[in-house]
């Protein structure tokens, strides 16, 4: 499990370094996750090496939302001032995500069905 932690942290560090180079245009954690995905896809890293750590992190994901929840509670004065904008933006973006996912899923199912019948 220690090897898996090292691999995940190494990709996180790589992502943070790249984010620093591009002035944090994209967060380092996101870049690190993309690099890890690329390494797993290209089979540079075996999934068995990181699977136990990934399962542990996913099983305990609720702990990672605690700081965000505390941040929301400490920002209640701003949220109470702009609650209508936050509500509209949250609703619109949620609907957009649902529509995009539905269209992509339908396209993928159609593509898979046509691929099997030909």
PDB file of N, CA and C in Angstrom:
ATOM      1  N   UNK A   1       0.827  -1.201   0.000  1.00  0.00           N
ATOM      2  CA  UNK A   1       0.000   0.000   0.000  1.00  0.00           C
ATOM      3  C   UNK A   1       0.871   1.263   0.000  1.00  0.00           C
ATOM      4  N   UNK A   2       2.040   1.163   0.581  1.00  0.00           N
ATOM      5  CA  UNK A   2       2.943   2.311   0.628  1.00  0.00           C
ATOM      6  C   UNK A   2       3.390   2.720  -0.773  1.00  0.00           C
ATOM      7  N   UNK A   3       3.609   1.734  -1.637  1.00  0.00           N
ATOM      8  CA  UNK A   3       3.984   2.034  -3.017  1.00  0.00           C
ATOM      9  C   UNK A   3       2.887   2.784  -3.749  1.00  0.00           C
ATOM     10  N   UNK A   4       1.642   2.399  -3.513  1.00  0.00           N
ATOM     11  CA  UNK A   4       0.510   3.080  -4.136  1.00  0.00           C
ATOM     12  C   UNK A   4       0.386   4.519  -3.663  1.00  0.00           C
ATOM     13  N   UNK A   5       0.610   4.734  -2.365  1.00  0.00           N
ATOM     14  CA  UNK A   5       0.582   6.096  -1.831  1.00  0.00           C
ATOM     15  C   UNK A   5       1.675   6.930  -2.483  1.00  0.00           C
ATOM     16  N   UNK A   6       2.867   6.344  -2.628  1.00  0.00           N
ATOM     17  CA  UNK A   6       3.975   7.057  -3.253  1.00  0.00           C
ATOM     18  C   UNK A   6       3.638   7.431  -4.698  1.00  0.00           C
ATOM     19  N   UNK A   7       3.047   6.512  -5.445  1.00  0.00           N
ATOM     20  CA  UNK A   7       2.700   6.782  -6.843  1.00  0.00           C
ATOM     21  C   UNK A   7       1.677   7.917  -6.932  1.00  0.00           C
ATOM     22  N   UNK A   8       0.644   7.844  -6.127  1.00  0.00           N
ATOM     23  CA  UNK A   8      -0.390   8.878  -6.161  1.00  0.00           C
ATOM     24  C   UNK A   8       0.184  10.228  -5.753  1.00  0.00           C
ATOM     25  N   UNK A   9       1.003  10.252  -4.711  1.00  0.00           N
ATOM     26  CA  UNK A   9       1.602  11.511  -4.272  1.00  0.00           C
ATOM     27  C   UNK A   9       2.600  12.049  -5.290  1.00  0.00           C
ATOM     28  N   UNK A  10       3.307  11.165  -5.985  1.00  0.00           N
ATOM     29  CA  UNK A  10       4.254  11.606  -7.010  1.00  0.00           C
ATOM     30  C   UNK A  10       3.508  12.297  -8.151  1.00  0.00           C
ATOM     31  N   UNK A  11       2.369  11.738  -8.564  1.00  0.00           N
ATOM     32  CA  UNK A  11       1.596  12.378  -9.626  1.00  0.00           C
ATOM     33  C   UNK A  11       0.957  13.670  -9.138  1.00  0.00           C
ATOM     34  N   UNK A  12       0.572  13.717  -7.875  1.00  0.00           N
ATOM     35  CA  UNK A  12       0.057  14.962  -7.306  1.00  0.00           C
ATOM     36  C   UNK A  12       1.138  16.042  -7.331  1.00  0.00           C
ATOM     37  N   UNK A  13       2.358  15.672  -6.935  1.00  0.00           N
ATOM     38  CA  UNK A  13       3.472  16.622  -6.941  1.00  0.00           C
ATOM     39  C   UNK A  13       3.785  17.081  -8.370  1.00  0.00           C
ATOM     40  N   UNK A  14       3.776  16.150  -9.314  1.00  0.00           N
ATOM     41  CA  UNK A  14       3.999  16.502 -10.714  1.00  0.00           C
ATOM     42  C   UNK A  14       2.936  17.491 -11.194  1.00  0.00           C
ATOM     43  N   UNK A  15       1.694  17.245 -10.826  1.00  0.00           N
ATOM     44  CA  UNK A  15       0.616  18.160 -11.200  1.00  0.00           C
ATOM     45  C   UNK A  15       0.784  19.532 -10.573  1.00  0.00           C
ATOM     46  N   UNK A  16       1.185  19.584  -9.307  1.00  0.00           N
ATOM     47  CA  UNK A  16       1.396  20.870  -8.638  1.00  0.00           C
ATOM     48  C   UNK A  16       2.545  21.636  -9.277  1.00  0.00           C
ATOM     49  N   UNK A  17       3.604  20.940  -9.653  1.00  0.00           N
ATOM     50  CA  UNK A  17       4.742  21.600 -10.316  1.00  0.00           C
ATOM     51  C   UNK A  17       4.324  22.159 -11.668  1.00  0.00           C
ATOM     52  N   UNK A  18       3.565  21.391 -12.424  1.00  0.00           N
ATOM     53  CA  UNK A  18       3.089  21.874 -13.729  1.00  0.00           C
ATOM     54  C   UNK A  18       2.126  23.039 -13.550  1.00  0.00           C
ATOM     55  N   UNK A  19       1.295  22.987 -12.532  1.00  0.00           N
ATOM     56  CA  UNK A  19       0.369  24.093 -12.273  1.00  0.00           C
ATOM     57  C   UNK A  19       1.144  25.356 -11.919  1.00  0.00           C
ATOM     58  N   UNK A  20       2.200  25.207 -11.176  1.00  0.00           N
ATOM     59  CA  UNK A  20       3.037  26.356 -10.826  1.00  0.00           C
ATOM     60  C   UNK A  20       3.650  26.963 -12.085  1.00  0.00           C
ATOM     61  N   UNK A  21       4.067  26.100 -13.021  1.00  0.00           N
ATOM     62  CA  UNK A  21       4.681  26.582 -14.261  1.00  0.00           C
ATOM     63  C   UNK A  21       3.699  27.358 -15.135  1.00  0.00           C
ATOM     64  N   UNK A  22       2.421  26.999 -15.064  1.00  0.00           N
ATOM     65  CA  UNK A  22       1.414  27.693 -15.876  1.00  0.00           C
ATOM     66  C   UNK A  22       0.593  28.669 -15.022  1.00  0.00           C
ATOM     67  N   UNK A  23       1.170  29.111 -13.914  1.00  0.00           N
ATOM     68  CA  UNK A  23       0.557  30.104 -13.015  1.00  0.00           C
ATOM     69  C   UNK A  23      -0.821  29.684 -12.519  1.00  0.00           C
ATOM     70  N   UNK A  24      -0.958  28.407 -12.173  1.00  0.00           N
ATOM     71  CA  UNK A  24      -2.186  27.862 -11.592  1.00  0.00           C
ATOM     72  C   UNK A  24      -3.411  28.098 -12.462  1.00  0.00           C
ATOM     73  N   UNK A  25      -3.217  28.066 -13.787  1.00  0.00           N
ATOM     74  CA  UNK A  25      -4.355  28.167 -14.700  1.00  0.00           C
ATOM     75  C   UNK A  25      -5.289  26.980 -14.523  1.00  0.00           C
ATOM     76  N   UNK A  26      -4.696  25.797 -14.313  1.00  0.00           N
ATOM     77  CA  UNK A  26      -5.436  24.579 -13.985  1.00  0.00           C
ATOM     78  C   UNK A  26      -4.889  24.108 -12.637  1.00  0.00           C
ATOM     79  N   UNK A  27      -5.755  23.729 -11.699  1.00  0.00           N
ATOM     80  CA  UNK A  27      -5.260  23.289 -10.386  1.00  0.00           C
ATOM     81  C   UNK A  27      -4.331  22.080 -10.496  1.00  0.00           C
ATOM     82  N   UNK A  28      -3.322  22.063  -9.644  1.00  0.00           N
ATOM     83  CA  UNK A  28      -2.340  20.984  -9.661  1.00  0.00           C
ATOM     84  C   UNK A  28      -2.937  19.628  -9.389  1.00  0.00           C
ATOM     85  N   UNK A  29      -3.936  19.564  -8.531  1.00  0.00           N
ATOM     86  CA  UNK A  29      -4.557  18.272  -8.236  1.00  0.00           C
ATOM     87  C   UNK A  29      -5.254  17.711  -9.468  1.00  0.00           C
ATOM     88  N   UNK A  30      -5.856  18.583 -10.260  1.00  0.00           N
ATOM     89  CA  UNK A  30      -6.522  18.138 -11.491  1.00  0.00           C
ATOM     90  C   UNK A  30      -5.488  17.665 -12.503  1.00  0.00           C
ATOM     91  N   UNK A  31      -4.400  18.416 -12.660  1.00  0.00           N
ATOM     92  CA  UNK A  31      -3.335  17.999 -13.573  1.00  0.00           C
ATOM     93  C   UNK A  31      -2.727  16.670 -13.141  1.00  0.00           C
ATOM     94  N   UNK A  32      -2.491  16.526 -11.843  1.00  0.00           N
ATOM     95  CA  UNK A  32      -1.937  15.270 -11.342  1.00  0.00           C
ATOM     96  C   UNK A  32      -2.850  14.093 -11.610  1.00  0.00           C
ATOM     97  N   UNK A  33      -4.158  14.311 -11.453  1.00  0.00           N
ATOM     98  CA  UNK A  33      -5.116  13.248 -11.725  1.00  0.00           C
ATOM     99  C   UNK A  33      -5.121  12.901 -13.215  1.00  0.00           C
ATOM    100  N   UNK A  34      -4.993  13.917 -14.057  1.00  0.00           N
ATOM    101  CA  UNK A  34      -4.935  13.664 -15.501  1.00  0.00           C
ATOM    102  C   UNK A  34      -3.661  12.906 -15.869  1.00  0.00           C
ATOM    103  N   UNK A  35      -2.546  13.264 -15.254  1.00  0.00           N
ATOM    104  CA  UNK A  35      -1.292  12.555 -15.518  1.00  0.00           C
ATOM    105  C   UNK A  35      -1.375  11.102 -15.041  1.00  0.00           C
ATOM    106  N   UNK A  36      -1.979  10.881 -13.882  1.00  0.00           N
ATOM    107  CA  UNK A  36      -2.142   9.515 -13.385  1.00  0.00           C
ATOM    108  C   UNK A  36      -3.049   8.717 -14.310  1.00  0.00           C
ATOM    109  N   UNK A  37      -4.132   9.325 -14.783  1.00  0.00           N
ATOM    110  CA  UNK A  37      -5.013   8.648 -15.736  1.00  0.00           C
ATOM    111  C   UNK A  37      -4.259   8.286 -17.011  1.00  0.00           C
ATOM    112  N   UNK A  38      -3.455   9.212 -17.500  1.00  0.00           N
ATOM    113  CA  UNK A  38      -2.664   8.951 -18.702  1.00  0.00           C
ATOM    114  C   UNK A  38      -1.684   7.803 -18.466  1.00  0.00           C
ATOM    115  N   UNK A  39      -1.026   7.810 -17.320  1.00  0.00           N
ATOM    116  CA  UNK A  39      -0.068   6.747 -17.000  1.00  0.00           C
ATOM    117  C   UNK A  39      -0.767   5.392 -16.863  1.00  0.00           C
ATOM    118  N   UNK A  40      -1.953   5.380 -16.281  1.00  0.00           N
ATOM    119  CA  UNK A  40      -2.704   4.130 -16.175  1.00  0.00           C
ATOM    120  C   UNK A  40      -3.189   3.665 -17.548  1.00  0.00           C
ATOM    121  N   UNK A  41      -3.632   4.613 -18.376  1.00  0.00           N
ATOM    122  CA  UNK A  41      -4.121   4.261 -19.715  1.00  0.00           C
ATOM    123  C   UNK A  41      -3.005   3.712 -20.595  1.00  0.00           C
ATOM    124  N   UNK A  42      -1.820   4.270 -20.458  1.00  0.00           N
ATOM    125  CA  UNK A  42      -0.699   3.832 -21.287  1.00  0.00           C
ATOM    126  C   UNK A  42       0.063   2.669 -20.657  1.00  0.00           C
ATOM    127  N   UNK A  43      -0.461   2.197 -19.526  1.00  0.00           N
ATOM    128  CA  UNK A  43       0.103   1.056 -18.800  1.00  0.00           C
ATOM    129  C   UNK A  43       1.523   1.297 -18.287  1.00  0.00           C
ATOM    130  N   UNK A  44       1.821   2.577 -18.000  1.00  0.00           N
ATOM    131  CA  UNK A  44       3.091   2.881 -17.340  1.00  0.00           C
ATOM    132  C   UNK A  44       2.996   2.554 -15.851  1.00  0.00           C
ATOM    133  N   UNK A  45       1.777   2.639 -15.323  1.00  0.00           N
ATOM    134  CA  UNK A  45       1.509   2.283 -13.930  1.00  0.00           C
ATOM    135  C   UNK A  45       0.464   1.173 -13.957  1.00  0.00           C
ATOM    136  N   UNK A  46       0.739   0.104 -13.228  1.00  0.00           N
ATOM    137  CA  UNK A  46      -0.231  -0.992 -13.157  1.00  0.00           C
ATOM    138  C   UNK A  46      -1.342  -0.627 -12.173  1.00  0.00           C
ATOM    139  N   UNK A  47      -2.589  -0.859 -12.553  1.00  0.00           N
ATOM    140  CA  UNK A  47      -3.709  -0.508 -11.672  1.00  0.00           C
ATOM    141  C   UNK A  47      -3.644  -1.222 -10.317  1.00  0.00           C
ATOM    142  N   UNK A  48      -3.080  -2.424 -10.291  1.00  0.00           N
ATOM    143  CA  UNK A  48      -2.996  -3.170  -9.025  1.00  0.00           C
ATOM    144  C   UNK A  48      -2.141  -2.438  -7.995  1.00  0.00           C
ATOM    145  N   UNK A  49      -1.220  -1.595  -8.462  1.00  0.00           N
ATOM    146  CA  UNK A  49      -0.346  -0.873  -7.535  1.00  0.00           C
ATOM    147  C   UNK A  49      -1.086   0.208  -6.765  1.00  0.00           C
ATOM    148  N   UNK A  50      -2.064   0.856  -7.416  1.00  0.00           N
ATOM    149  CA  UNK A  50      -2.754   1.978  -6.772  1.00  0.00           C
ATOM    150  C   UNK A  50      -4.175   1.641  -6.321  1.00  0.00           C
ATOM    151  N   UNK A  51      -4.675   0.465  -6.692  1.00  0.00           N
ATOM    152  CA  UNK A  51      -6.059   0.109  -6.381  1.00  0.00           C
ATOM    153  C   UNK A  51      -6.377   0.133  -4.875  1.00  0.00           C
ATOM    154  N   UNK A  52      -5.551  -0.456  -3.996  1.00  0.00           N
ATOM    155  CA  UNK A  52      -5.918  -0.417  -2.566  1.00  0.00           C
ATOM    156  C   UNK A  52      -5.993   1.004  -2.002  1.00  0.00           C
ATOM    157  N   UNK A  53      -5.081   1.848  -2.409  1.00  0.00           N
ATOM    158  CA  UNK A  53      -5.090   3.230  -1.923  1.00  0.00           C
ATOM    159  C   UNK A  53      -6.290   3.973  -2.505  1.00  0.00           C
ATOM    160  N   UNK A  54      -6.566   3.757  -3.788  1.00  0.00           N
ATOM    161  CA  UNK A  54      -7.709   4.414  -4.427  1.00  0.00           C
ATOM    162  C   UNK A  54      -9.012   3.986  -3.759  1.00  0.00           C
ATOM    163  N   UNK A  55      -9.134   2.709  -3.445  1.00  0.00           N
ATOM    164  CA  UNK A  55     -10.355   2.239  -2.758  1.00  0.00           C
ATOM    165  C   UNK A  55     -10.494   2.876  -1.384  1.00  0.00           C
ATOM    166  N   UNK A  56      -9.380   2.958  -0.649  1.00  0.00           N
ATOM    167  CA  UNK A  56      -9.409   3.575   0.673  1.00  0.00           C
ATOM    168  C   UNK A  56      -9.836   5.031   0.567  1.00  0.00           C
ATOM    169  N   UNK A  57      -9.265   5.760  -0.392  1.00  0.00           N
ATOM    170  CA  UNK A  57      -9.599   7.174  -0.546  1.00  0.00           C
ATOM    171  C   UNK A  57     -11.063   7.351  -0.965  1.00  0.00           C
ATOM    172  N   UNK A  58     -11.555   6.500  -1.841  1.00  0.00           N
ATOM    173  CA  UNK A  58     -12.961   6.597  -2.269  1.00  0.00           C
ATOM    174  C   UNK A  58     -13.911   6.220  -1.136  1.00  0.00           C
ATOM    175  N   UNK A  59     -13.545   5.217  -0.350  1.00  0.00           N
ATOM    176  CA  UNK A  59     -14.400   4.813   0.771  1.00  0.00           C
ATOM    177  C   UNK A  59     -14.498   5.899   1.834  1.00  0.00           C
ATOM    178  N   UNK A  60     -13.478   6.720   1.959  1.00  0.00           N
ATOM    179  CA  UNK A  60     -13.447   7.766   2.983  1.00  0.00           C
ATOM    180  C   UNK A  60     -13.558   9.156   2.381  1.00  0.00           C
ATOM    181  N   UNK A  61     -14.205   9.262   1.249  1.00  0.00           N
ATOM    182  CA  UNK A  61     -14.296  10.533   0.540  1.00  0.00           C
ATOM    183  C   UNK A  61     -15.061  11.595   1.323  1.00  0.00           C
ATOM    184  N   UNK A  62     -15.962  11.200   2.179  1.00  0.00           N
ATOM    185  CA  UNK A  62     -16.756  12.176   2.937  1.00  0.00           C
ATOM    186  C   UNK A  62     -15.861  13.092   3.769  1.00  0.00           C
ATOM    187  N   UNK A  63     -14.743  12.587   4.243  1.00  0.00           N
ATOM    188  CA  UNK A  63     -13.836  13.418   5.034  1.00  0.00           C
ATOM    189  C   UNK A  63     -13.240  14.558   4.220  1.00  0.00           C
ATOM    190  N   UNK A  64     -13.124  14.382   2.912  1.00  0.00           N
ATOM    191  CA  UNK A  64     -12.548  15.421   2.070  1.00  0.00           C
ATOM    192  C   UNK A  64     -13.519  16.561   1.826  1.00  0.00           C
ATOM    193  N   UNK A  65     -14.808  16.350   2.104  1.00  0.00           N
ATOM    194  CA  UNK A  65     -15.795  17.398   1.922  1.00  0.00           C
ATOM    195  C   UNK A  65     -15.979  18.245   3.181  1.00  0.00           C
ATOM    196  N   UNK A  66     -15.420  17.830   4.290  1.00  0.00           N
ATOM    197  CA  UNK A  66     -15.560  18.606   5.523  1.00  0.00           C
ATOM    198  C   UNK A  66     -14.983  20.008   5.409  1.00  0.00           C
ATOM    199  N   UNK A  67     -13.767  20.200   4.881  1.00  0.00           N
ATOM    200  CA  UNK A  67     -13.259  21.578   4.761  1.00  0.00           C
ATOM    201  C   UNK A  67     -14.130  22.448   3.861  1.00  0.00           C
ATOM    202  N   UNK A  68     -14.669  21.882   2.790  1.00  0.00           N
ATOM    203  CA  UNK A  68     -15.543  22.668   1.917  1.00  0.00           C
ATOM    204  C   UNK A  68     -16.821  23.063   2.653  1.00  0.00           C
ATOM    205  N   UNK A  69     -17.369  22.148   3.446  1.00  0.00           N
ATOM    206  CA  UNK A  69     -18.564  22.464   4.218  1.00  0.00           C
ATOM    207  C   UNK A  69     -18.316  23.556   5.241  1.00  0.00           C
ATOM    208  N   UNK A  70     -17.178  23.495   5.901  1.00  0.00           N
ATOM    209  CA  UNK A  70     -16.827  24.538   6.869  1.00  0.00           C
ATOM    210  C   UNK A  70     -16.643  25.869   6.149  1.00  0.00           C
ATOM    211  N   UNK A  71     -16.035  25.833   4.961  1.00  0.00           N
ATOM    212  CA  UNK A  71     -15.863  27.058   4.182  1.00  0.00           C
ATOM    213  C   UNK A  71     -17.188  27.679   3.790  1.00  0.00           C
ATOM    214  N   UNK A  72     -18.165  26.845   3.461  1.00  0.00           N
ATOM    215  CA  UNK A  72     -19.492  27.364   3.113  1.00  0.00           C
ATOM    216  C   UNK A  72     -20.141  28.002   4.335  1.00  0.00           C
ATOM    217  N   UNK A  73     -20.005  27.354   5.479  1.00  0.00           N
ATOM    218  CA  UNK A  73     -20.622  27.898   6.692  1.00  0.00           C
ATOM    219  C   UNK A  73     -19.982  29.232   7.070  1.00  0.00           C
ATOM    220  N   UNK A  74     -18.666  29.356   6.901  1.00  0.00           N
ATOM    221  CA  UNK A  74     -18.016  30.616   7.253  1.00  0.00           C
ATOM    222  C   UNK A  74     -18.295  31.711   6.222  1.00  0.00           C
ATOM    223  N   UNK A  75     -18.809  31.347   5.058  1.00  0.00           N
ATOM    224  CA  UNK A  75     -19.130  32.333   4.018  1.00  0.00           C
ATOM    225  C   UNK A  75     -20.627  32.591   3.922  1.00  0.00           C
ATOM    226  N   UNK A  76     -21.366  32.336   4.977  1.00  0.00           N
ATOM    227  CA  UNK A  76     -22.815  32.495   4.931  1.00  0.00           C
ATOM    228  C   UNK A  76     -23.238  33.938   4.665  1.00  0.00           C
ATOM    229  N   UNK A  77     -22.455  34.919   5.101  1.00  0.00           N
ATOM    230  CA  UNK A  77     -22.838  36.306   4.841  1.00  0.00           C
ATOM    231  C   UNK A  77     -22.818  36.616   3.344  1.00  0.00           C
ATOM    232  N   UNK A  78     -21.834  36.101   2.639  1.00  0.00           N
ATOM    233  CA  UNK A  78     -21.773  36.298   1.186  1.00  0.00           C
ATOM    234  C   UNK A  78     -22.892  35.519   0.505  1.00  0.00           C
ATOM    235  N   UNK A  79     -23.096  34.267   0.939  1.00  0.00           N
ATOM    236  CA  UNK A  79     -24.153  33.451   0.335  1.00  0.00           C
ATOM    237  C   UNK A  79     -25.535  34.055   0.571  1.00  0.00           C
ATOM    238  N   UNK A  80     -25.766  34.611   1.754  1.00  0.00           N
ATOM    239  CA  UNK A  80     -27.079  35.194   2.032  1.00  0.00           C
ATOM    240  C   UNK A  80     -27.307  36.453   1.197  1.00  0.00           C
ATOM    241  N   UNK A  81     -26.243  37.132   0.831  1.00  0.00           N
ATOM    242  CA  UNK A  81     -26.368  38.323   0.010  1.00  0.00           C
ATOM    243  C   UNK A  81     -26.656  37.968  -1.454  1.00  0.00           C
ATOM    244  N   UNK A  82     -26.076  36.873  -1.931  1.00  0.00           N
ATOM    245  CA  UNK A  82     -26.198  36.498  -3.342  1.00  0.00           C
ATOM    246  C   UNK A  82     -26.884  35.148  -3.519  1.00  0.00           C
ATOM    247  N   UNK A  83     -27.810  34.786  -2.650  1.00  0.00           N
ATOM    248  CA  UNK A  83     -28.435  33.464  -2.697  1.00  0.00           C
ATOM    249  C   UNK A  83     -29.172  33.230  -4.008  1.00  0.00           C
ATOM    250  N   UNK A  84     -29.792  34.269  -4.565  1.00  0.00           N
ATOM    251  CA  UNK A  84     -30.538  34.098  -5.809  1.00  0.00           C
ATOM    252  C   UNK A  84     -29.618  33.757  -6.978  1.00  0.00           C
ATOM    253  N   UNK A  85     -28.477  34.409  -7.055  1.00  0.00           N
ATOM    254  CA  UNK A  85     -27.513  34.122  -8.122  1.00  0.00           C
ATOM    255  C   UNK A  85     -26.941  32.718  -7.952  1.00  0.00           C
ATOM    256  N   UNK A  86     -26.606  32.356  -6.730  1.00  0.00           N
ATOM    257  CA  UNK A  86     -26.058  31.022  -6.460  1.00  0.00           C
ATOM    258  C   UNK A  86     -27.082  29.954  -6.830  1.00  0.00           C
ATOM    259  N   UNK A  87     -28.342  30.194  -6.506  1.00  0.00           N
ATOM    260  CA  UNK A  87     -29.399  29.234  -6.827  1.00  0.00           C
ATOM    261  C   UNK A  87     -29.586  29.079  -8.337  1.00  0.00           C
ATOM    262  N   UNK A  88     -29.593  30.187  -9.061  1.00  0.00           N
ATOM    263  CA  UNK A  88     -29.768  30.132 -10.516  1.00  0.00           C
ATOM    264  C   UNK A  88     -28.573  29.440 -11.170  1.00  0.00           C
ATOM    265  N   UNK A  89     -27.365  29.822 -10.781  1.00  0.00           N
ATOM    266  CA  UNK A  89     -26.167  29.213 -11.362  1.00  0.00           C
ATOM    267  C   UNK A  89     -26.120  27.723 -11.053  1.00  0.00           C
ATOM    268  N   UNK A  90     -26.433  27.349  -9.828  1.00  0.00           N
ATOM    269  CA  UNK A  90     -26.450  25.933  -9.459  1.00  0.00           C
ATOM    270  C   UNK A  90     -27.468  25.137 -10.255  1.00  0.00           C
ATOM    271  N   UNK A  91     -28.649  25.707 -10.443  1.00  0.00           N
ATOM    272  CA  UNK A  91     -29.699  25.020 -11.201  1.00  0.00           C
ATOM    273  C   UNK A  91     -29.329  24.889 -12.672  1.00  0.00           C
ATOM    274  N   UNK A  92     -28.866  25.980 -13.271  1.00  0.00           N
ATOM    275  CA  UNK A  92     -28.533  25.965 -14.702  1.00  0.00           C
ATOM    276  C   UNK A  92     -27.378  25.010 -14.979  1.00  0.00           C
ATOM    277  N   UNK A  93     -26.334  25.063 -14.178  1.00  0.00           N
ATOM    278  CA  UNK A  93     -25.193  24.179 -14.427  1.00  0.00           C
ATOM    279  C   UNK A  93     -25.561  22.719 -14.192  1.00  0.00           C
ATOM    280  N   UNK A  94     -26.413  22.446 -13.206  1.00  0.00           N
ATOM    281  CA  UNK A  94     -26.853  21.071 -12.985  1.00  0.00           C
ATOM    282  C   UNK A  94     -27.650  20.562 -14.178  1.00  0.00           C
ATOM    283  N   UNK A  95     -28.546  21.382 -14.695  1.00  0.00           N
ATOM    284  CA  UNK A  95     -29.318  20.987 -15.875  1.00  0.00           C
ATOM    285  C   UNK A  95     -28.418  20.787 -17.088  1.00  0.00           C
ATOM    286  N   UNK A  96     -27.431  21.662 -17.273  1.00  0.00           N
ATOM    287  CA  UNK A  96     -26.497  21.502 -18.394  1.00  0.00           C
ATOM    288  C   UNK A  96     -25.720  20.196 -18.297  1.00  0.00           C
ATOM    289  N   UNK A  97     -25.256  19.869 -17.098  1.00  0.00           N
ATOM    290  CA  UNK A  97     -24.515  18.617 -16.915  1.00  0.00           C
ATOM    291  C   UNK A  97     -25.419  17.429 -17.209  1.00  0.00           C
ATOM    292  N   UNK A  98     -26.659  17.457 -16.716  1.00  0.00           N
ATOM    293  CA  UNK A  98     -27.596  16.364 -16.988  1.00  0.00           C
ATOM    294  C   UNK A  98     -27.852  16.203 -18.481  1.00  0.00           C
ATOM    295  N   UNK A  99     -28.037  17.310 -19.180  1.00  0.00           N
ATOM    296  CA  UNK A  99     -28.307  17.246 -20.619  1.00  0.00           C
ATOM    297  C   UNK A  99     -27.096  16.711 -21.376  1.00  0.00           C
ATOM    298  N   UNK A 100     -25.914  17.210 -21.057  1.00  0.00           N
ATOM    299  CA  UNK A 100     -24.704  16.751 -21.746  1.00  0.00           C
ATOM    300  C   UNK A 100     -24.467  15.268 -21.497  1.00  0.00           C
ATOM    301  N   UNK A 101     -24.626  14.831 -20.264  1.00  0.00           N
ATOM    302  CA  UNK A 101     -24.431  13.409 -19.951  1.00  0.00           C
ATOM    303  C   UNK A 101     -25.468  12.562 -20.675  1.00  0.00           C
ATOM    304  N   UNK A 102     -26.725  13.012 -20.714  1.00  0.00           N
ATOM    305  CA  UNK A 102     -27.773  12.245 -21.402  1.00  0.00           C
ATOM    306  C   UNK A 102     -27.489  12.146 -22.894  1.00  0.00           C
ATOM    307  N   UNK A 103     -27.075  13.247 -23.512  1.00  0.00           N
ATOM    308  CA  UNK A 103     -26.781  13.231 -24.947  1.00  0.00           C
ATOM    309  C   UNK A 103     -25.586  12.331 -25.241  1.00  0.00           C
ATOM    310  N   UNK A 104     -24.535  12.447 -24.433  1.00  0.00           N
ATOM    311  CA  UNK A 104     -23.359  11.589 -24.645  1.00  0.00           C
ATOM    312  C   UNK A 104     -23.686  10.119 -24.428  1.00  0.00           C
ATOM    313  N   UNK A 105     -24.482   9.815 -23.427  1.00  0.00           N
ATOM    314  CA  UNK A 105     -24.864   8.429 -23.171  1.00  0.00           C
ATOM    315  C   UNK A 105     -25.700   7.876 -24.325  1.00  0.00           C
ATOM    316  N   UNK A 106     -26.641   8.687 -24.814  1.00  0.00           N
ATOM    317  CA  UNK A 106     -27.462   8.248 -25.937  1.00  0.00           C
ATOM    318  C   UNK A 106     -26.610   8.038 -27.183  1.00  0.00           C
ATOM    319  N   UNK A 107     -25.686   8.959 -27.427  1.00  0.00           N
ATOM    320  CA  UNK A 107     -24.787   8.819 -28.579  1.00  0.00           C
ATOM    321  C   UNK A 107     -23.947   7.550 -28.463  1.00  0.00           C
ATOM    322  N   UNK A 108     -23.439   7.293 -27.255  1.00  0.00           N
ATOM    323  CA  UNK A 108     -22.614   6.105 -27.046  1.00  0.00           C
ATOM    324  C   UNK A 108     -23.429   4.826 -27.243  1.00  0.00           C
ATOM    325  N   UNK A 109     -24.657   4.792 -26.746  1.00  0.00           N
ATOM    326  CA  UNK A 109     -25.496   3.609 -26.937  1.00  0.00           C
ATOM    327  C   UNK A 109     -25.851   3.410 -28.406  1.00  0.00           C
ATOM    328  N   UNK A 110     -26.163   4.492 -29.104  1.00  0.00           N
ATOM    329  CA  UNK A 110     -26.446   4.382 -30.544  1.00  0.00           C
ATOM    330  C   UNK A 110     -25.219   3.907 -31.304  1.00  0.00           C
ATOM    331  N   UNK A 111     -24.079   4.445 -30.951  1.00  0.00           N
ATOM    332  CA  UNK A 111     -22.824   4.063 -31.609  1.00  0.00           C
ATOM    333  C   UNK A 111     -22.520   2.582 -31.358  1.00  0.00           C
ATOM    334  N   UNK A 112     -22.740   2.120 -30.142  1.00  0.00           N
ATOM    335  CA  UNK A 112     -22.487   0.734 -29.801  1.00  0.00           C
ATOM    336  C   UNK A 112     -23.471  -0.185 -30.521  1.00  0.00           C
ATOM    337  N   UNK A 113     -24.741   0.215 -30.593  1.00  0.00           N
ATOM    338  CA  UNK A 113     -25.767  -0.606 -31.262  1.00  0.00           C
ATOM    339  C   UNK A 113     -25.491  -0.706 -32.757  1.00  0.00           C
ATOM    340  N   UNK A 114     -25.163   0.388 -33.402  1.00  0.00           N
ATOM    341  CA  UNK A 114     -24.879   0.363 -34.837  1.00  0.00           C
ATOM    342  C   UNK A 114     -23.595  -0.389 -35.138  1.00  0.00           C
ATOM    343  N   UNK A 115     -22.648  -0.351 -34.213  1.00  0.00           N
ATOM    344  CA  UNK A 115     -21.397  -1.073 -34.417  1.00  0.00           C
ATOM    345  C   UNK A 115     -21.580  -2.582 -34.374  1.00  0.00           C
ATOM    346  N   UNK A 116     -22.529  -3.056 -33.585  1.00  0.00           N
ATOM    347  CA  UNK A 116     -22.775  -4.504 -33.455  1.00  0.00           C
ATOM    348  C   UNK A 116     -23.618  -5.042 -34.602  1.00  0.00           C
ATOM    349  N   UNK A 117     -24.483  -4.215 -35.183  1.00  0.00           N
ATOM    350  CA  UNK A 117     -25.352  -4.710 -36.257  1.00  0.00           C
ATOM    351  C   UNK A 117     -24.655  -4.724 -37.603  1.00  0.00           C
ATOM    352  N   UNK A 118     -23.593  -3.955 -37.771  1.00  0.00           N
ATOM    353  CA  UNK A 118     -22.877  -3.909 -39.064  1.00  0.00           C
ATOM    354  C   UNK A 118     -21.951  -5.056 -39.241  1.00  0.00           C
TER     355      UNK A 118
END
